[in-house]
Amino acid sequence: MGDVSGSKTVVNALKQQTLERLQPRLSLVIEETADYLFSLSTSTRLDPANQNHCYDAFVMLQAQTKPIVGQICSAVGASFDLLKDNQTGPTDAPMPEETAELALLDLEVFEETLAIEKIVRASTERFWVDLESLMFRLGSVLATPADTVKLPVSPYLLCSAYRQALRDIDFPRRFLIDADSAFARKLLPELADIYQSLNAYLKDMGLLPNIEEELTQTGSRILINHGNRQADSPRSTVEQSGPEIDEGAQLTDPADIHRLIHETDWINALSVDITASSVSVRPFSNQSVNEVPVP
């Protein structure tokens, strides 16, 4: 697709479809994340003082659901607008120079960055066929190399926008890991549906109709480091029971406001869950938080 007006029309349509699908799903995901924090605030995993702090975090997240969803959707919309202007950027793979920059950050920021990076890497490993198919098709629409396309609805953009929204409301840092855990587990099944619907829309336009099959045969061409990838299983719908996660000892020092209560152990386990397809790919259901395993 060579003409600029045609490519902008396609990108506008993708933007509208994405936001129409994403906004209600994000609202449900944030609500479920808040419900999880409420459940955690009543559990014996926390001492009474931290139960109160966790309840405060629940109240804050519940009250700020609409602004958080709006901020994430605005970030996605702005990223689509960049595509319309053919302003492409690097792919969502971590850039080498970021490693050096991390050395200059304090430990708290490093821990938070590490959490997002691990979620993004695991999500990319899980959905790479859908992600790369979108990149190749968008590259065809924009007449630009696929590996320069910055996906407007990538796991990195969504997780980063979510984390920034939490910062903007001064969400208590001690419960960031819990908020990330619940958010990631609820969001991933929704992303699978969104990616596949966007690919279906572009495929129906005649854009690279066989790209998924080609990628499945050849392996990742952009996002995955072949030396580190174990196996390509991007669309397995087999439900497996994820590894049990050690809940750890009860936290008894409410004054330690800088400590991440559950550290980053859950992220490693979540990464295993995602790449092994243990995170359900079924669409969101408003299931009681008490019926799902605690991340």
Protein backbone atom coordinates (compact mmCIF):
# COMPACT_ATOMS: atom_id res chain seq x y z
CA MET A 1 0.00 0.00 0.00
CA GLY A 2 1.84 3.00 -1.25
CA ASP A 3 -0.38 6.08 -0.91
CA VAL A 4 -0.25 8.04 2.33
CA SER A 5 -3.99 8.68 2.56
CA GLY A 6 -4.70 4.97 2.22
CA SER A 7 -2.25 4.03 4.96
CA LYS A 8 -3.68 6.67 7.29
CA THR A 9 -7.17 5.32 6.69
CA VAL A 10 -6.05 1.83 7.65
CA VAL A 11 -4.21 3.03 10.75
CA ASN A 12 -7.24 5.09 11.80
CA ALA A 13 -9.44 2.02 11.47
CA LEU A 14 -7.01 -0.06 13.52
CA LYS A 15 -6.86 2.65 16.17
CA GLN A 16 -10.63 2.78 16.46
CA GLN A 17 -10.97 -1.00 16.62
CA THR A 18 -8.21 -1.28 19.20
CA LEU A 19 -9.59 1.39 21.52
CA GLU A 20 -13.12 0.02 21.23
CA ARG A 21 -11.89 -3.39 22.31
CA LEU A 22 -9.26 -2.25 24.76
CA GLN A 23 -11.16 0.27 26.87
CA PRO A 24 -13.86 -2.03 28.30
CA ARG A 25 -11.32 -4.80 28.80
CA LEU A 26 -8.94 -2.51 30.65
CA SER A 27 -11.77 -1.33 32.89
CA LEU A 28 -12.53 -4.92 33.85
CA VAL A 29 -8.85 -5.74 34.32
CA ILE A 30 -8.26 -2.75 36.61
CA GLU A 31 -11.41 -3.58 38.58
CA GLU A 32 -10.23 -7.17 39.01
CA THR A 33 -6.80 -5.91 40.05
CA ALA A 34 -8.45 -3.77 42.71
CA ASP A 35 -10.53 -6.76 43.82
CA TYR A 36 -7.36 -8.77 44.17
CA LEU A 37 -5.84 -6.10 46.42
CA PHE A 38 -9.00 -6.16 48.54
CA SER A 39 -8.71 -9.93 48.87
CA LEU A 40 -5.04 -9.59 49.77
CA SER A 41 -5.87 -6.98 52.41
CA THR A 42 -7.99 -9.55 54.25
CA SER A 43 -5.52 -12.41 53.99
CA THR A 44 -3.07 -13.66 56.60
CA ARG A 45 -0.17 -13.03 54.23
CA LEU A 46 0.01 -9.54 55.71
CA ASP A 47 0.10 -8.39 59.29
CA PRO A 48 -2.77 -6.11 60.45
CA ALA A 49 -0.93 -2.85 59.79
CA ASN A 50 -0.05 -3.82 56.23
CA GLN A 51 -3.55 -5.16 55.71
CA ASN A 52 -4.73 -1.60 56.34
CA HIS A 53 -2.17 -0.20 53.90
CA CYS A 54 -3.22 -2.75 51.29
CA TYR A 55 -6.86 -1.80 51.79
CA ASP A 56 -5.90 1.84 51.20
CA ALA A 57 -4.20 0.77 47.95
CA PHE A 58 -7.39 -1.05 46.93
CA VAL A 59 -9.52 2.04 47.61
CA MET A 60 -7.12 4.23 45.63
CA LEU A 61 -7.02 1.92 42.61
CA GLN A 62 -10.78 1.43 42.63
CA ALA A 63 -11.41 5.18 42.77
CA GLN A 64 -8.90 5.90 39.99
CA THR A 65 -9.96 3.15 37.58
CA LYS A 66 -11.44 5.51 34.99
CA PRO A 67 -8.46 7.92 34.88
CA ILE A 68 -5.99 5.01 34.69
CA VAL A 69 -7.89 3.41 31.80
CA GLY A 70 -8.10 6.78 30.07
CA GLN A 71 -4.37 7.37 30.45
CA ILE A 72 -3.46 3.96 29.03
CA CYS A 73 -5.86 4.38 26.11
CA SER A 74 -4.44 7.85 25.44
CA ALA A 75 -0.94 6.37 25.24
CA VAL A 76 -2.16 3.72 22.79
CA GLY A 77 -3.97 6.33 20.70
CA ALA A 78 -0.92 8.58 20.61
CA SER A 79 1.20 5.65 19.44
CA PHE A 80 -1.22 5.01 16.57
CA ASP A 81 -1.01 8.70 15.66
CA LEU A 82 2.76 8.34 15.38
CA LEU A 83 2.23 5.49 12.94
CA LYS A 84 -0.03 7.68 10.81
CA ASP A 85 2.79 10.18 10.54
CA ASN A 86 5.16 7.33 9.63
CA GLN A 87 7.19 8.06 12.75
CA THR A 88 8.49 4.61 13.47
CA GLY A 89 10.69 3.71 16.37
CA PRO A 90 12.66 0.76 17.67
CA THR A 91 10.95 -2.52 18.29
CA ASP A 92 9.88 -3.53 21.76
CA ALA A 93 12.98 -5.62 22.35
CA PRO A 94 15.13 -4.06 25.10
CA MET A 95 17.77 -1.77 23.64
CA PRO A 96 21.41 -2.58 24.50
CA GLU A 97 22.17 0.92 25.73
CA GLU A 98 19.44 0.65 28.35
CA THR A 99 21.62 -1.73 30.35
CA ALA A 100 24.26 0.94 30.91
CA GLU A 101 21.64 3.50 31.84
CA LEU A 102 20.19 1.18 34.47
CA ALA A 103 23.44 1.38 36.40
CA LEU A 104 22.70 5.04 37.06
CA LEU A 105 19.25 4.36 38.48
CA ASP A 106 18.57 3.72 42.12
CA LEU A 107 17.63 0.23 43.27
CA GLU A 108 13.92 1.00 43.50
CA VAL A 109 13.65 2.13 39.89
CA PHE A 110 15.76 -0.84 38.80
CA GLU A 111 13.41 -3.29 40.53
CA GLU A 112 10.38 -1.67 38.93
CA THR A 113 12.01 -1.65 35.49
CA LEU A 114 13.05 -5.27 35.88
CA ALA A 115 9.48 -6.24 36.70
CA ILE A 116 8.13 -4.68 33.51
CA GLU A 117 10.96 -6.08 31.37
CA LYS A 118 10.33 -9.62 32.55
CA ILE A 119 6.60 -9.35 31.88
CA VAL A 120 7.28 -7.93 28.41
CA ARG A 121 9.85 -10.59 27.52
CA ALA A 122 7.57 -13.39 28.64
CA SER A 123 4.59 -11.87 26.82
CA THR A 124 6.64 -11.49 23.65
CA GLU A 125 7.74 -15.11 23.90
CA ARG A 126 4.11 -16.13 24.26
CA PHE A 127 2.58 -14.01 21.48
CA TRP A 128 5.45 -13.51 19.05
CA VAL A 129 3.60 -14.89 16.01
CA ASP A 130 0.70 -12.48 16.47
CA LEU A 131 3.04 -9.58 17.25
CA GLU A 132 5.36 -10.16 14.31
CA SER A 133 2.42 -10.73 11.96
CA LEU A 134 1.11 -7.31 12.97
CA MET A 135 4.54 -5.76 12.47
CA PHE A 136 4.94 -7.21 8.97
CA ARG A 137 1.42 -6.19 7.95
CA LEU A 138 1.79 -2.69 9.35
CA GLY A 139 5.15 -2.44 7.63
CA SER A 140 3.39 -3.31 4.38
CA VAL A 141 0.73 -0.66 5.03
CA LEU A 142 3.31 2.00 5.85
CA ALA A 143 5.85 0.90 3.22
CA THR A 144 8.50 0.61 5.92
CA PRO A 145 10.63 -2.29 7.20
CA ALA A 146 8.71 -4.44 9.68
CA ASP A 147 11.53 -4.39 12.21
CA THR A 148 11.21 -0.61 12.56
CA VAL A 149 7.49 -0.67 13.37
CA LYS A 150 6.67 0.23 16.95
CA LEU A 151 3.44 -1.56 17.81
CA PRO A 152 0.87 0.80 19.35
CA VAL A 153 -0.67 -1.93 21.49
CA SER A 154 2.43 -3.87 22.49
CA PRO A 155 2.89 -5.45 25.95
CA TYR A 156 5.69 -2.95 26.61
CA LEU A 157 3.57 0.10 25.85
CA LEU A 158 0.61 -1.15 27.89
CA CYS A 159 2.68 -2.16 30.91
CA SER A 160 4.67 1.07 30.82
CA ALA A 161 1.54 3.21 30.52
CA TYR A 162 -0.07 1.30 33.38
CA ARG A 163 2.97 1.77 35.61
CA GLN A 164 3.13 5.49 34.76
CA ALA A 165 -0.55 5.84 35.61
CA LEU A 166 0.12 4.26 39.01
CA ARG A 167 3.00 6.67 39.59
CA ASP A 168 0.79 9.61 38.69
CA ILE A 169 -1.74 8.72 41.39
CA ASP A 170 1.03 8.08 43.96
CA PHE A 171 0.10 4.43 44.27
CA PRO A 172 1.93 2.94 47.29
CA ARG A 173 5.14 1.35 46.08
CA ARG A 174 5.02 -1.55 48.52
CA PHE A 175 2.08 -3.01 46.59
CA LEU A 176 3.34 -2.37 43.05
CA ILE A 177 4.36 -5.98 42.57
CA ASP A 178 0.92 -7.19 43.60
CA ALA A 179 -0.74 -4.65 41.30
CA ASP A 180 1.54 -5.72 38.43
CA SER A 181 0.90 -9.40 39.07
CA ALA A 182 -2.87 -9.17 38.96
CA PHE A 183 -2.82 -6.73 36.02
CA ALA A 184 -0.54 -8.93 33.91
CA ARG A 185 -2.44 -12.14 34.61
CA LYS A 186 -5.78 -10.57 33.70
CA LEU A 187 -4.54 -8.55 30.72
CA LEU A 188 -2.71 -11.25 28.76
CA PRO A 189 -5.81 -13.22 27.67
CA GLU A 190 -7.33 -9.95 26.43
CA LEU A 191 -4.25 -9.14 24.35
CA ALA A 192 -4.46 -12.45 22.52
CA ASP A 193 -7.97 -11.61 21.33
CA ILE A 194 -7.03 -8.05 20.34
CA TYR A 195 -3.92 -9.09 18.39
CA GLN A 196 -5.79 -11.79 16.51
CA SER A 197 -8.69 -9.48 15.63
CA LEU A 198 -6.34 -6.80 14.28
CA ASN A 199 -4.46 -9.38 12.24
CA ALA A 200 -7.75 -10.74 10.91
CA TYR A 201 -8.79 -7.24 9.81
CA LEU A 202 -5.54 -6.70 7.90
CA LYS A 203 -5.62 -10.22 6.49
CA ASP A 204 -9.12 -9.63 5.12
CA MET A 205 -7.67 -6.65 3.26
CA GLY A 206 -5.32 -9.04 1.49
CA LEU A 207 -2.22 -8.01 3.44
CA LEU A 208 0.19 -10.93 3.78
CA PRO A 209 -2.56 -13.55 4.26
CA ASN A 210 -0.08 -16.36 4.94
CA ILE A 211 2.36 -14.57 7.25
CA GLU A 212 1.35 -16.52 10.37
CA GLU A 213 2.01 -19.82 8.66
CA GLU A 214 5.33 -18.59 7.27
CA LEU A 215 6.50 -17.39 10.68
CA THR A 216 5.44 -20.63 12.31
CA GLN A 217 7.60 -22.51 9.80
CA THR A 218 10.63 -20.21 9.81
CA GLY A 219 10.59 -19.04 13.42
CA SER A 220 10.80 -15.50 14.71
CA ARG A 221 12.46 -12.98 12.42
CA ILE A 222 12.38 -9.94 14.69
CA LEU A 223 11.43 -10.27 18.34
CA ILE A 224 12.92 -13.48 19.66
CA ASN A 225 16.56 -14.28 20.31
CA HIS A 226 16.84 -17.70 18.68
CA GLY A 227 19.77 -18.62 20.87
CA ASN A 228 17.63 -18.27 23.99
CA ARG A 229 14.25 -19.45 22.76
CA GLN A 230 13.32 -22.95 23.89
CA ALA A 231 10.42 -23.75 21.59
CA ASP A 232 7.94 -21.90 19.42
CA SER A 233 4.50 -22.49 20.90
CA PRO A 234 2.76 -19.16 20.35
CA ARG A 235 -0.84 -20.28 20.25
CA SER A 236 -1.08 -23.32 22.44
CA THR A 237 -4.39 -23.33 24.25
CA VAL A 238 -3.52 -26.25 26.49
CA GLU A 239 -4.27 -25.34 30.08
CA GLN A 240 -1.46 -26.31 32.41
CA SER A 241 -1.19 -25.84 36.10
CA GLY A 242 1.46 -23.23 36.78
CA PRO A 243 4.18 -23.70 39.34
CA GLU A 244 3.28 -23.01 42.92
CA ILE A 245 4.63 -19.72 44.18
CA ASP A 246 6.02 -19.36 47.64
CA GLU A 247 3.97 -16.73 49.40
CA GLY A 248 6.80 -15.99 51.77
CA ALA A 249 6.76 -15.02 55.38
CA GLN A 250 4.32 -12.51 56.78
CA LEU A 251 5.51 -8.93 56.52
CA THR A 252 5.52 -7.36 59.96
CA ASP A 253 7.23 -4.01 59.45
CA PRO A 254 4.68 -1.49 58.16
CA ALA A 255 7.23 1.29 58.46
CA ASP A 256 9.31 -0.18 55.65
CA ILE A 257 7.49 1.77 52.98
CA HIS A 258 10.16 1.29 50.33
CA ARG A 259 10.28 -2.47 50.32
CA LEU A 260 8.44 -4.39 47.63
CA ILE A 261 6.46 -6.84 49.74
CA HIS A 262 6.78 -9.85 47.48
CA GLU A 263 10.03 -8.81 45.82
CA THR A 264 10.28 -10.17 42.26
CA ASP A 265 9.95 -13.93 42.81
CA TRP A 266 6.45 -13.94 41.34
CA ILE A 267 7.73 -12.37 38.12
CA ASN A 268 10.03 -15.31 37.45
CA ALA A 269 7.16 -17.72 38.07
CA LEU A 270 4.82 -15.64 35.91
CA SER A 271 7.37 -15.69 33.10
CA VAL A 272 7.39 -19.48 33.24
CA ASP A 273 3.58 -19.52 33.26
CA ILE A 274 3.33 -17.29 30.19
CA THR A 275 5.93 -19.02 28.04
CA ALA A 276 4.51 -22.42 28.98
CA SER A 277 1.01 -21.17 28.07
CA SER A 278 -0.12 -21.66 31.65
CA VAL A 279 -1.78 -18.25 31.62
CA SER A 280 -5.24 -18.86 30.23
CA VAL A 281 -5.87 -17.55 26.73
CA ARG A 282 -9.61 -17.47 27.34
CA PRO A 283 -11.29 -14.05 27.23
CA PHE A 284 -11.93 -12.18 30.44
CA SER A 285 -14.67 -13.48 32.72
CA ASN A 286 -15.75 -11.61 35.80
CA GLN A 287 -14.63 -14.46 38.03
CA SER A 288 -14.46 -13.98 41.75
CA VAL A 289 -10.96 -13.18 42.92
CA ASN A 290 -11.35 -15.82 45.59
CA GLU A 291 -11.68 -18.52 42.92
CA VAL A 292 -8.37 -17.85 41.21
CA PRO A 293 -4.92 -18.71 42.58
CA VAL A 294 -3.13 -15.87 44.29
CA PRO A 295 -0.28 -14.70 41.99
